[in-house]
Amino acid sequence: MHIQIYTPDGKPQPWLDGFAQALPGARLSVWAQGAAHDADYAVVWQPPADMLRGRTDLRAVFNLGAGVDAILGLLAQSPDALPESVPIVRLDDAGMASQMSEYVTHAVLRFFRRLDEYERLQQAKIWRFLKPFDRDAFVVGVLGLGVLGTHIARTLAGFGFPVRGWSRSAKSVEGIDCRAGADALPGFLAGTRVLINVLPLTADTENVLDAALFDQLEAGAYLVNVARGKHLVEDDLLAAVARGQIAGAALDVFRTEPLPADHPFWTEPRIRITPHISALTLREVSIAQIARKIRALEAGEPIAGIVDLQRGY
């Protein structure tokens, strides 16, 4: 069994060492331009097109992340970059769900306890009491009920918030008010005080967070985006914040990363930014999951996480 690895940071050795322990006896190599097409599996993050083009030798490509928009974008630009017979497999969770739930819970509690406003009062040296929000009326809406979104929804429900979730297809999550399909989206948005975006990035979801969507939320709502920067129309958010339709936002992802120094998000006090850290790929957990799936494929067993190329996730 031959596993070929590619990471754009040029630091593949920890991955090589990890797979050597997880799959003893496997042949491991790092992809480089001109490498032979003789691998069984590829483990990649943001691979170049040349690595995948014509790879009929591969039984599967494992993507080092839950989001596959980068590799699908590559295939859209270079349709011949990977034979259609080769499945792309994403990480199911690999420790990201708990990390992202921590990040989102912190953001929601910060807004709910009005700590964002107290922070601004501190900057202005103003001692003032702010009336607390009513928890029962502080509706949290989760856009996207995949593995990550479901974990987030359950976590926030555990804090006593009324939580609703929206997904493209029908889902059932105990304790969560689940809505599905385009017709259900307006009702999902109406009355939502905190909107959390965990949608996959596809042609259908790009620019979904726009002025039209913000106007359907309750006035003074909050936004948390931990999915992808291209979901958000940035100028629309700035305008919605300026007129008070959006009271505040916590953003972890952006159209351009790193965020340019002259971007207005840096200086807007009602927008908090972090450098794409809400859920990091944990190497040991990821290696263990991929190794389990490789062993299953070697045994002729089915695996979870195969990407639906038509849906884009």
C-alpha atoms as a PDB file:
ATOM      1  CA  MET A   1       0.000   0.000   0.000  1.00  0.00           C
ATOM      2  CA  HIS A   2       1.411   3.374  -1.048  1.00  0.00           C
ATOM      3  CA  ILE A   3       0.199   6.642   0.515  1.00  0.00           C
ATOM      4  CA  GLN A   4       1.263   9.929  -1.044  1.00  0.00           C
ATOM      5  CA  ILE A   5       1.073  13.132   0.995  1.00  0.00           C
ATOM      6  CA  TYR A   6       0.916  16.805   0.027  1.00  0.00           C
ATOM      7  CA  THR A   7       0.670  19.820   2.331  1.00  0.00           C
ATOM      8  CA  PRO A   8       1.329  23.363   1.080  1.00  0.00           C
ATOM      9  CA  ASP A   9       3.283  24.361   4.197  1.00  0.00           C
ATOM     10  CA  GLY A  10       6.240  22.210   3.129  1.00  0.00           C
ATOM     11  CA  LYS A  11       6.270  20.386   6.484  1.00  0.00           C
ATOM     12  CA  PRO A  12       5.088  16.853   5.736  1.00  0.00           C
ATOM     13  CA  GLN A  13       7.349  14.996   8.179  1.00  0.00           C
ATOM     14  CA  PRO A  14       4.898  14.930  11.124  1.00  0.00           C
ATOM     15  CA  TRP A  15       2.256  13.469   8.800  1.00  0.00           C
ATOM     16  CA  LEU A  16       4.717  10.869   7.506  1.00  0.00           C
ATOM     17  CA  ASP A  17       5.668   9.899  11.055  1.00  0.00           C
ATOM     18  CA  GLY A  18       2.026   9.680  12.116  1.00  0.00           C
ATOM     19  CA  PHE A  19       0.960   7.479   9.217  1.00  0.00           C
ATOM     20  CA  ALA A  20       4.018   5.266   9.728  1.00  0.00           C
ATOM     21  CA  GLN A  21       2.738   4.517  13.237  1.00  0.00           C
ATOM     22  CA  ALA A  22      -0.929   4.216  12.252  1.00  0.00           C
ATOM     23  CA  LEU A  23      -0.334   2.005   9.209  1.00  0.00           C
ATOM     24  CA  PRO A  24       2.847  -0.002   9.772  1.00  0.00           C
ATOM     25  CA  GLY A  25       4.235  -1.432   6.575  1.00  0.00           C
ATOM     26  CA  ALA A  26       2.648   1.181   4.326  1.00  0.00           C
ATOM     27  CA  ARG A  27       4.912   2.874   1.826  1.00  0.00           C
ATOM     28  CA  LEU A  28       4.846   6.649   2.394  1.00  0.00           C
ATOM     29  CA  SER A  29       6.027   9.423   0.121  1.00  0.00           C
ATOM     30  CA  VAL A  30       5.737  13.175  -0.374  1.00  0.00           C
ATOM     31  CA  TRP A  31       4.395  14.333  -3.720  1.00  0.00           C
ATOM     32  CA  ALA A  32       6.720  16.456  -5.825  1.00  0.00           C
ATOM     33  CA  GLN A  33       6.504  17.578  -9.429  1.00  0.00           C
ATOM     34  CA  GLY A  34       7.280  14.630 -11.682  1.00  0.00           C
ATOM     35  CA  ALA A  35       6.538  11.976  -9.053  1.00  0.00           C
ATOM     36  CA  ALA A  36       5.455   8.595 -10.379  1.00  0.00           C
ATOM     37  CA  HIS A  37       1.749   7.735 -10.504  1.00  0.00           C
ATOM     38  CA  ASP A  38       2.005   4.625  -8.378  1.00  0.00           C
ATOM     39  CA  ALA A  39       0.172   5.464  -5.139  1.00  0.00           C
ATOM     40  CA  ASP A  40      -2.981   3.884  -3.767  1.00  0.00           C
ATOM     41  CA  TYR A  41      -4.108   6.835  -1.662  1.00  0.00           C
ATOM     42  CA  ALA A  42      -3.420  10.563  -1.570  1.00  0.00           C
ATOM     43  CA  VAL A  43      -3.681  12.653   1.593  1.00  0.00           C
ATOM     44  CA  VAL A  44      -3.815  16.318   0.655  1.00  0.00           C
ATOM     45  CA  TRP A  45      -4.599  19.873   1.570  1.00  0.00           C
ATOM     46  CA  GLN A  46      -4.959  22.397  -1.270  1.00  0.00           C
ATOM     47  CA  PRO A  47      -3.105  20.222  -3.795  1.00  0.00           C
ATOM     48  CA  PRO A  48      -1.933  21.573  -7.160  1.00  0.00           C
ATOM     49  CA  ALA A  49      -3.775  20.331 -10.237  1.00  0.00           C
ATOM     50  CA  ASP A  50      -0.676  18.503 -11.458  1.00  0.00           C
ATOM     51  CA  MET A  51      -0.755  16.231  -8.436  1.00  0.00           C
ATOM     52  CA  LEU A  52      -4.221  14.903  -9.307  1.00  0.00           C
ATOM     53  CA  ARG A  53      -4.293  14.996 -13.092  1.00  0.00           C
ATOM     54  CA  GLY A  54      -4.568  11.546 -14.633  1.00  0.00           C
ATOM     55  CA  ARG A  55      -4.300   9.746 -11.289  1.00  0.00           C
ATOM     56  CA  THR A  56      -6.008   6.508 -12.244  1.00  0.00           C
ATOM     57  CA  ASP A  57      -3.666   4.817  -9.777  1.00  0.00           C
ATOM     58  CA  LEU A  58      -5.505   6.321  -6.805  1.00  0.00           C
ATOM     59  CA  ARG A  59      -8.272   4.522  -4.942  1.00  0.00           C
ATOM     60  CA  ALA A  60      -9.200   7.640  -2.958  1.00  0.00           C
ATOM     61  CA  VAL A  61      -8.101  11.189  -2.189  1.00  0.00           C
ATOM     62  CA  PHE A  62      -8.358  12.185   1.473  1.00  0.00           C
ATOM     63  CA  ASN A  63      -8.847  15.901   2.108  1.00  0.00           C
ATOM     64  CA  LEU A  64      -7.336  17.212   5.343  1.00  0.00           C
ATOM     65  CA  GLY A  65     -10.402  19.160   6.393  1.00  0.00           C
ATOM     66  CA  ALA A  66     -14.182  19.058   6.519  1.00  0.00           C
ATOM     67  CA  GLY A  67     -14.488  21.780   3.877  1.00  0.00           C
ATOM     68  CA  VAL A  68     -13.733  20.644   0.335  1.00  0.00           C
ATOM     69  CA  ASP A  69     -14.369  23.907  -1.532  1.00  0.00           C
ATOM     70  CA  ALA A  70     -10.662  24.371  -2.326  1.00  0.00           C
ATOM     71  CA  ILE A  71     -10.259  21.002  -4.034  1.00  0.00           C
ATOM     72  CA  LEU A  72     -13.649  21.265  -5.769  1.00  0.00           C
ATOM     73  CA  GLY A  73     -12.708  24.740  -6.977  1.00  0.00           C
ATOM     74  CA  LEU A  74      -9.559  23.238  -8.452  1.00  0.00           C
ATOM     75  CA  LEU A  75     -11.615  20.617 -10.271  1.00  0.00           C
ATOM     76  CA  ALA A  76     -13.975  23.308 -11.570  1.00  0.00           C
ATOM     77  CA  GLN A  77     -11.031  25.164 -13.090  1.00  0.00           C
ATOM     78  CA  SER A  78      -9.360  21.998 -14.358  1.00  0.00           C
ATOM     79  CA  PRO A  79     -12.079  19.378 -14.985  1.00  0.00           C
ATOM     80  CA  ASP A  80      -9.457  16.846 -16.063  1.00  0.00           C
ATOM     81  CA  ALA A  81      -7.469  17.265 -12.858  1.00  0.00           C
ATOM     82  CA  LEU A  82      -8.842  14.077 -11.293  1.00  0.00           C
ATOM     83  CA  PRO A  83     -10.508  11.049 -12.882  1.00  0.00           C
ATOM     84  CA  GLU A  84     -14.216  10.883 -11.989  1.00  0.00           C
ATOM     85  CA  SER A  85     -13.755   7.351 -10.702  1.00  0.00           C
ATOM     86  CA  VAL A  86     -11.547   8.520  -7.813  1.00  0.00           C
ATOM     87  CA  PRO A  87     -13.595   9.485  -4.722  1.00  0.00           C
ATOM     88  CA  ILE A  88     -12.732  12.507  -2.593  1.00  0.00           C
ATOM     89  CA  VAL A  89     -13.099  11.859   1.128  1.00  0.00           C
ATOM     90  CA  ARG A  90     -13.433  14.628   3.723  1.00  0.00           C
ATOM     91  CA  LEU A  91     -12.766  14.474   7.436  1.00  0.00           C
ATOM     92  CA  ASP A  92     -15.983  13.734   9.332  1.00  0.00           C
ATOM     93  CA  ASP A  93     -15.036  15.638  12.476  1.00  0.00           C
ATOM     94  CA  ALA A  94     -11.514  14.861  13.699  1.00  0.00           C
ATOM     95  CA  GLY A  95     -11.905  17.080  16.753  1.00  0.00           C
ATOM     96  CA  MET A  96     -13.176  20.087  14.812  1.00  0.00           C
ATOM     97  CA  ALA A  97     -16.772  19.929  16.073  1.00  0.00           C
ATOM     98  CA  SER A  98     -15.863  20.471  19.723  1.00  0.00           C
ATOM     99  CA  GLN A  99     -13.438  23.274  18.839  1.00  0.00           C
ATOM    100  CA  MET A 100     -15.976  25.069  16.669  1.00  0.00           C
ATOM    101  CA  SER A 101     -18.685  24.646  19.297  1.00  0.00           C
ATOM    102  CA  GLU A 102     -16.407  26.284  21.862  1.00  0.00           C
ATOM    103  CA  TYR A 103     -15.748  29.216  19.541  1.00  0.00           C
ATOM    104  CA  VAL A 104     -19.401  29.725  18.632  1.00  0.00           C
ATOM    105  CA  THR A 105     -20.621  29.299  22.209  1.00  0.00           C
ATOM    106  CA  HIS A 106     -18.186  31.973  23.356  1.00  0.00           C
ATOM    107  CA  ALA A 107     -19.459  34.332  20.652  1.00  0.00           C
ATOM    108  CA  VAL A 108     -23.125  33.693  21.479  1.00  0.00           C
ATOM    109  CA  LEU A 109     -22.604  34.128  25.227  1.00  0.00           C
ATOM    110  CA  ARG A 110     -20.632  37.316  24.603  1.00  0.00           C
ATOM    111  CA  PHE A 111     -23.545  38.768  22.653  1.00  0.00           C
ATOM    112  CA  PHE A 112     -26.193  37.415  25.035  1.00  0.00           C
ATOM    113  CA  ARG A 113     -24.481  38.905  28.107  1.00  0.00           C
ATOM    114  CA  ARG A 114     -23.879  42.121  26.114  1.00  0.00           C
ATOM    115  CA  LEU A 115     -20.157  41.869  26.822  1.00  0.00           C
ATOM    116  CA  ASP A 116     -19.404  43.345  23.396  1.00  0.00           C
ATOM    117  CA  GLU A 117     -21.233  46.497  24.469  1.00  0.00           C
ATOM    118  CA  TYR A 118     -19.524  46.540  27.875  1.00  0.00           C
ATOM    119  CA  GLU A 119     -16.167  46.313  26.118  1.00  0.00           C
ATOM    120  CA  ARG A 120     -16.987  49.444  24.134  1.00  0.00           C
ATOM    121  CA  LEU A 121     -18.189  51.199  27.289  1.00  0.00           C
ATOM    122  CA  GLN A 122     -14.879  50.343  28.939  1.00  0.00           C
ATOM    123  CA  GLN A 123     -12.979  51.879  26.025  1.00  0.00           C
ATOM    124  CA  ALA A 124     -15.024  55.062  26.516  1.00  0.00           C
ATOM    125  CA  LYS A 125     -14.579  54.891  30.329  1.00  0.00           C
ATOM    126  CA  ILE A 126     -18.344  54.789  30.848  1.00  0.00           C
ATOM    127  CA  TRP A 127     -19.851  52.928  33.825  1.00  0.00           C
ATOM    128  CA  ARG A 128     -23.352  51.915  32.757  1.00  0.00           C
ATOM    129  CA  PHE A 129     -25.793  49.088  33.432  1.00  0.00           C
ATOM    130  CA  LEU A 130     -27.350  47.409  30.388  1.00  0.00           C
ATOM    131  CA  LYS A 131     -30.624  45.523  30.678  1.00  0.00           C
ATOM    132  CA  PRO A 132     -30.035  41.776  30.190  1.00  0.00           C
ATOM    133  CA  PHE A 133     -31.587  39.950  27.262  1.00  0.00           C
ATOM    134  CA  ASP A 134     -34.344  37.402  27.859  1.00  0.00           C
ATOM    135  CA  ARG A 135     -32.865  33.958  27.238  1.00  0.00           C
ATOM    136  CA  ASP A 136     -36.193  32.488  26.131  1.00  0.00           C
ATOM    137  CA  ALA A 137     -36.468  35.145  23.408  1.00  0.00           C
ATOM    138  CA  PHE A 138     -32.814  34.931  22.356  1.00  0.00           C
ATOM    139  CA  VAL A 139     -33.327  32.552  19.438  1.00  0.00           C
ATOM    140  CA  VAL A 140     -30.193  31.015  17.939  1.00  0.00           C
ATOM    141  CA  GLY A 141     -30.365  29.900  14.308  1.00  0.00           C
ATOM    142  CA  VAL A 142     -27.791  27.493  12.869  1.00  0.00           C
ATOM    143  CA  LEU A 143     -27.446  27.535   9.074  1.00  0.00           C
ATOM    144  CA  GLY A 144     -26.209  24.068   8.143  1.00  0.00           C
ATOM    145  CA  LEU A 145     -26.893  20.901  10.122  1.00  0.00           C
ATOM    146  CA  GLY A 146     -23.991  18.716   9.114  1.00  0.00           C
ATOM    147  CA  VAL A 147     -21.662  17.189  11.701  1.00  0.00           C
ATOM    148  CA  LEU A 148     -20.330  20.571  12.820  1.00  0.00           C
ATOM    149  CA  GLY A 149     -23.648  22.421  12.761  1.00  0.00           C
ATOM    150  CA  THR A 150     -25.453  19.675  14.662  1.00  0.00           C
ATOM    151  CA  HIS A 151     -22.791  19.666  17.376  1.00  0.00           C
ATOM    152  CA  ILE A 152     -23.033  23.460  17.675  1.00  0.00           C
ATOM    153  CA  ALA A 153     -26.831  23.371  17.869  1.00  0.00           C
ATOM    154  CA  ARG A 154     -26.827  20.727  20.603  1.00  0.00           C
ATOM    155  CA  THR A 155     -24.185  22.582  22.593  1.00  0.00           C
ATOM    156  CA  LEU A 156     -26.125  25.853  22.550  1.00  0.00           C
ATOM    157  CA  ALA A 157     -29.380  24.089  23.408  1.00  0.00           C
ATOM    158  CA  GLY A 158     -27.561  22.800  26.476  1.00  0.00           C
ATOM    159  CA  PHE A 159     -27.165  26.409  27.616  1.00  0.00           C
ATOM    160  CA  GLY A 160     -30.920  26.835  27.530  1.00  0.00           C
ATOM    161  CA  PHE A 161     -31.202  28.851  24.338  1.00  0.00           C
ATOM    162  CA  PRO A 162     -34.063  28.158  21.932  1.00  0.00           C
ATOM    163  CA  VAL A 163     -32.196  26.749  18.929  1.00  0.00           C
ATOM    164  CA  ARG A 164     -33.448  26.260  15.393  1.00  0.00           C
ATOM    165  CA  GLY A 165     -31.509  24.743  12.513  1.00  0.00           C
ATOM    166  CA  TRP A 166     -31.816  24.959   8.743  1.00  0.00           C
ATOM    167  CA  SER A 167     -30.466  22.573   6.141  1.00  0.00           C
ATOM    168  CA  ARG A 168     -30.986  21.854   2.476  1.00  0.00           C
ATOM    169  CA  SER A 169     -32.518  18.449   3.163  1.00  0.00           C
ATOM    170  CA  ALA A 170     -34.673  17.365   6.102  1.00  0.00           C
ATOM    171  CA  LYS A 171     -32.829  16.590   9.343  1.00  0.00           C
ATOM    172  CA  SER A 172     -34.013  15.554  12.778  1.00  0.00           C
ATOM    173  CA  VAL A 173     -32.018  16.622  15.835  1.00  0.00           C
ATOM    174  CA  GLU A 174     -33.492  16.084  19.284  1.00  0.00           C
ATOM    175  CA  GLY A 175     -34.216  19.366  21.040  1.00  0.00           C
ATOM    176  CA  ILE A 176     -33.671  21.455  17.892  1.00  0.00           C
ATOM    177  CA  ASP A 177     -36.376  23.096  15.777  1.00  0.00           C
ATOM    178  CA  CYS A 178     -35.259  21.787  12.378  1.00  0.00           C
ATOM    179  CA  ARG A 179     -36.319  23.436   9.109  1.00  0.00           C
ATOM    180  CA  ALA A 180     -35.379  22.331   5.583  1.00  0.00           C
ATOM    181  CA  GLY A 181     -35.493  23.642   2.042  1.00  0.00           C
ATOM    182  CA  ALA A 182     -35.715  27.061   0.429  1.00  0.00           C
ATOM    183  CA  ASP A 183     -39.379  27.534   1.341  1.00  0.00           C
ATOM    184  CA  ALA A 184     -38.573  27.170   5.041  1.00  0.00           C
ATOM    185  CA  LEU A 185     -35.700  29.669   5.077  1.00  0.00           C
ATOM    186  CA  PRO A 186     -37.751  32.876   5.628  1.00  0.00           C
ATOM    187  CA  GLY A 187     -39.525  31.356   8.628  1.00  0.00           C
ATOM    188  CA  PHE A 188     -36.193  30.162   9.993  1.00  0.00           C
ATOM    189  CA  LEU A 189     -34.694  33.649   9.728  1.00  0.00           C
ATOM    190  CA  ALA A 190     -37.673  35.512  11.183  1.00  0.00           C
ATOM    191  CA  GLY A 191     -37.130  36.083  14.887  1.00  0.00           C
ATOM    192  CA  THR A 192     -33.556  34.757  14.906  1.00  0.00           C
ATOM    193  CA  ARG A 193     -31.342  36.860  17.201  1.00  0.00           C
ATOM    194  CA  VAL A 194     -28.038  35.114  16.495  1.00  0.00           C
ATOM    195  CA  LEU A 195     -27.379  33.572  13.089  1.00  0.00           C
ATOM    196  CA  ILE A 196     -24.550  31.055  12.908  1.00  0.00           C
ATOM    197  CA  ASN A 197     -23.313  30.065   9.472  1.00  0.00           C
ATOM    198  CA  VAL A 198     -21.850  26.567   9.126  1.00  0.00           C
ATOM    199  CA  LEU A 199     -22.958  25.904   5.537  1.00  0.00           C
ATOM    200  CA  PRO A 200     -20.654  24.216   3.022  1.00  0.00           C
ATOM    201  CA  LEU A 201     -19.455  26.580   0.310  1.00  0.00           C
ATOM    202  CA  THR A 202     -21.107  25.738  -3.012  1.00  0.00           C
ATOM    203  CA  ALA A 203     -22.339  27.682  -6.019  1.00  0.00           C
ATOM    204  CA  ASP A 204     -25.743  27.829  -4.310  1.00  0.00           C
ATOM    205  CA  THR A 205     -24.460  29.114  -0.964  1.00  0.00           C
ATOM    206  CA  GLU A 206     -21.851  31.634  -2.122  1.00  0.00           C
ATOM    207  CA  ASN A 207     -22.942  35.174  -1.111  1.00  0.00           C
ATOM    208  CA  VAL A 208     -25.864  33.765   0.902  1.00  0.00           C
ATOM    209  CA  LEU A 209     -25.145  36.187   3.761  1.00  0.00           C
ATOM    210  CA  ASP A 210     -26.310  39.339   2.012  1.00  0.00           C
ATOM    211  CA  ALA A 211     -28.534  42.363   2.613  1.00  0.00           C
ATOM    212  CA  ALA A 212     -31.700  40.487   1.668  1.00  0.00           C
ATOM    213  CA  LEU A 213     -30.975  37.806   4.266  1.00  0.00           C
ATOM    214  CA  PHE A 214     -29.994  40.295   6.983  1.00  0.00           C
ATOM    215  CA  ASP A 215     -33.272  42.169   6.506  1.00  0.00           C
ATOM    216  CA  GLN A 216     -35.207  38.985   7.301  1.00  0.00           C
ATOM    217  CA  LEU A 217     -33.588  38.689  10.724  1.00  0.00           C
ATOM    218  CA  GLU A 218     -34.930  40.409  13.809  1.00  0.00           C
ATOM    219  CA  ALA A 219     -33.610  43.989  14.028  1.00  0.00           C
ATOM    220  CA  GLY A 220     -30.444  44.113  16.116  1.00  0.00           C
ATOM    221  CA  ALA A 221     -29.506  40.511  15.346  1.00  0.00           C
ATOM    222  CA  TYR A 222     -25.986  39.104  15.522  1.00  0.00           C
ATOM    223  CA  LEU A 223     -23.944  37.112  13.007  1.00  0.00           C
ATOM    224  CA  VAL A 224     -21.324  34.421  13.567  1.00  0.00           C
ATOM    225  CA  ASN A 225     -19.550  33.114  10.455  1.00  0.00           C
ATOM    226  CA  VAL A 226     -17.269  30.108  10.911  1.00  0.00           C
ATOM    227  CA  ALA A 227     -17.808  28.524   7.494  1.00  0.00           C
ATOM    228  CA  ARG A 228     -16.197  30.330   4.547  1.00  0.00           C
ATOM    229  CA  GLY A 229     -15.514  33.962   3.717  1.00  0.00           C
ATOM    230  CA  LYS A 230     -17.226  33.711   0.347  1.00  0.00           C
ATOM    231  CA  HIS A 231     -20.552  33.104   2.059  1.00  0.00           C
ATOM    232  CA  LEU A 232     -20.554  36.733   3.175  1.00  0.00           C
ATOM    233  CA  VAL A 233     -21.122  39.870   1.104  1.00  0.00           C
ATOM    234  CA  GLU A 234     -18.822  42.026   3.191  1.00  0.00           C
ATOM    235  CA  ASP A 235     -20.157  45.427   2.105  1.00  0.00           C
ATOM    236  CA  ASP A 236     -23.697  44.292   2.924  1.00  0.00           C
ATOM    237  CA  LEU A 237     -22.628  43.369   6.447  1.00  0.00           C
ATOM    238  CA  LEU A 238     -20.921  46.723   6.977  1.00  0.00           C
ATOM    239  CA  ALA A 239     -24.053  48.516   5.782  1.00  0.00           C
ATOM    240  CA  ALA A 240     -26.305  46.372   7.998  1.00  0.00           C
ATOM    241  CA  VAL A 241     -24.098  47.101  11.013  1.00  0.00           C
ATOM    242  CA  ALA A 242     -24.069  50.828  10.246  1.00  0.00           C
ATOM    243  CA  ARG A 243     -27.878  51.022  10.251  1.00  0.00           C
ATOM    244  CA  GLY A 244     -28.314  48.752  13.264  1.00  0.00           C
ATOM    245  CA  GLN A 245     -29.981  45.807  11.543  1.00  0.00           C
ATOM    246  CA  ILE A 246     -26.954  43.753  12.623  1.00  0.00           C
ATOM    247  CA  ALA A 247     -25.831  44.706  16.129  1.00  0.00           C
ATOM    248  CA  GLY A 248     -22.572  42.801  16.002  1.00  0.00           C
ATOM    249  CA  ALA A 249     -20.652  40.046  14.249  1.00  0.00           C
ATOM    250  CA  ALA A 250     -17.971  37.491  15.033  1.00  0.00           C
ATOM    251  CA  LEU A 251     -16.080  36.512  11.889  1.00  0.00           C
ATOM    252  CA  ASP A 252     -13.444  33.801  11.631  1.00  0.00           C
ATOM    253  CA  VAL A 253     -13.294  33.498   7.832  1.00  0.00           C
ATOM    254  CA  PHE A 254     -12.812  36.035   5.047  1.00  0.00           C
ATOM    255  CA  ARG A 255     -12.760  36.366   1.279  1.00  0.00           C
ATOM    256  CA  THR A 256      -9.085  37.293   1.407  1.00  0.00           C
ATOM    257  CA  GLU A 257      -6.863  35.684   4.024  1.00  0.00           C
ATOM    258  CA  PRO A 258      -4.867  37.137   5.657  1.00  0.00           C
ATOM    259  CA  LEU A 259      -7.314  40.026   5.943  1.00  0.00           C
ATOM    260  CA  PRO A 260      -5.745  43.089   4.242  1.00  0.00           C
ATOM    261  CA  ALA A 261      -4.490  45.750   6.655  1.00  0.00           C
ATOM    262  CA  ASP A 262      -6.740  48.396   5.099  1.00  0.00           C
ATOM    263  CA  HIS A 263      -9.932  46.334   5.374  1.00  0.00           C
ATOM    264  CA  PRO A 264     -12.742  48.168   7.229  1.00  0.00           C
ATOM    265  CA  PHE A 265     -13.438  45.125   9.411  1.00  0.00           C
ATOM    266  CA  TRP A 266     -10.295  45.940  11.404  1.00  0.00           C
ATOM    267  CA  THR A 267     -11.669  49.254  12.630  1.00  0.00           C
ATOM    268  CA  GLU A 268     -15.387  48.474  12.995  1.00  0.00           C
ATOM    269  CA  PRO A 269     -15.864  48.053  16.781  1.00  0.00           C
ATOM    270  CA  ARG A 270     -19.013  45.947  16.377  1.00  0.00           C
ATOM    271  CA  ILE A 271     -17.180  43.312  14.317  1.00  0.00           C
ATOM    272  CA  ARG A 272     -14.747  40.947  16.015  1.00  0.00           C
ATOM    273  CA  ILE A 273     -12.318  39.071  13.793  1.00  0.00           C
ATOM    274  CA  THR A 274     -10.105  36.037  14.323  1.00  0.00           C
ATOM    275  CA  PRO A 275      -7.637  34.492  11.837  1.00  0.00           C
ATOM    276  CA  HIS A 276      -9.514  31.315  10.783  1.00  0.00           C
ATOM    277  CA  ILE A 277      -8.898  29.490  14.050  1.00  0.00           C
ATOM    278  CA  SER A 278     -12.369  28.339  15.116  1.00  0.00           C
ATOM    279  CA  ALA A 279     -11.571  24.702  14.265  1.00  0.00           C
ATOM    280  CA  LEU A 280      -8.074  23.500  13.469  1.00  0.00           C
ATOM    281  CA  THR A 281      -7.159  20.170  11.911  1.00  0.00           C
ATOM    282  CA  LEU A 282      -5.782  17.993  14.715  1.00  0.00           C
ATOM    283  CA  ARG A 283      -3.038  15.882  13.197  1.00  0.00           C
ATOM    284  CA  GLU A 284      -3.194  12.794  15.412  1.00  0.00           C
ATOM    285  CA  VAL A 285      -6.986  12.557  15.318  1.00  0.00           C
ATOM    286  CA  SER A 286      -7.047  13.118  11.549  1.00  0.00           C
ATOM    287  CA  ILE A 287      -4.415  10.464  10.912  1.00  0.00           C
ATOM    288  CA  ALA A 288      -6.311   7.951  13.051  1.00  0.00           C
ATOM    289  CA  GLN A 289      -9.553   8.616  11.145  1.00  0.00           C
ATOM    290  CA  ILE A 290      -7.927   8.389   7.712  1.00  0.00           C
ATOM    291  CA  ALA A 291      -6.081   5.220   8.719  1.00  0.00           C
ATOM    292  CA  ARG A 292      -9.379   3.606   9.786  1.00  0.00           C
ATOM    293  CA  LYS A 293     -10.937   4.475   6.449  1.00  0.00           C
ATOM    294  CA  ILE A 294      -7.972   3.156   4.490  1.00  0.00           C
ATOM    295  CA  ARG A 295      -8.141  -0.134   6.386  1.00  0.00           C
ATOM    296  CA  ALA A 296     -11.862  -0.310   5.609  1.00  0.00           C
ATOM    297  CA  LEU A 297     -11.259   0.290   1.895  1.00  0.00           C
ATOM    298  CA  GLU A 298      -8.532  -2.341   1.875  1.00  0.00           C
ATOM    299  CA  ALA A 299     -11.051  -4.769   3.379  1.00  0.00           C
ATOM    300  CA  GLY A 300     -13.676  -3.857   0.792  1.00  0.00           C
ATOM    301  CA  GLU A 301     -15.907  -2.117   3.330  1.00  0.00           C
ATOM    302  CA  PRO A 302     -17.845   1.148   2.793  1.00  0.00           C
ATOM    303  CA  ILE A 303     -16.684   4.394   4.399  1.00  0.00           C
ATOM    304  CA  ALA A 304     -18.342   7.666   5.410  1.00  0.00           C
ATOM    305  CA  GLY A 305     -17.337  11.114   4.210  1.00  0.00           C
ATOM    306  CA  ILE A 306     -17.268  10.565   0.436  1.00  0.00           C
ATOM    307  CA  VAL A 307     -17.972  13.915  -1.224  1.00  0.00           C
ATOM    308  CA  ASP A 308     -21.027  14.271  -3.453  1.00  0.00           C
ATOM    309  CA  LEU A 309     -19.577  16.210  -6.385  1.00  0.00           C
ATOM    310  CA  GLN A 310     -23.009  17.397  -7.486  1.00  0.00           C
ATOM    311  CA  ARG A 311     -23.909  18.870  -4.111  1.00  0.00           C
ATOM    312  CA  GLY A 312     -20.395  20.114  -3.417  1.00  0.00           C
ATOM    313  CA  TYR A 313     -20.002  18.541   0.032  1.00  0.00           C
END
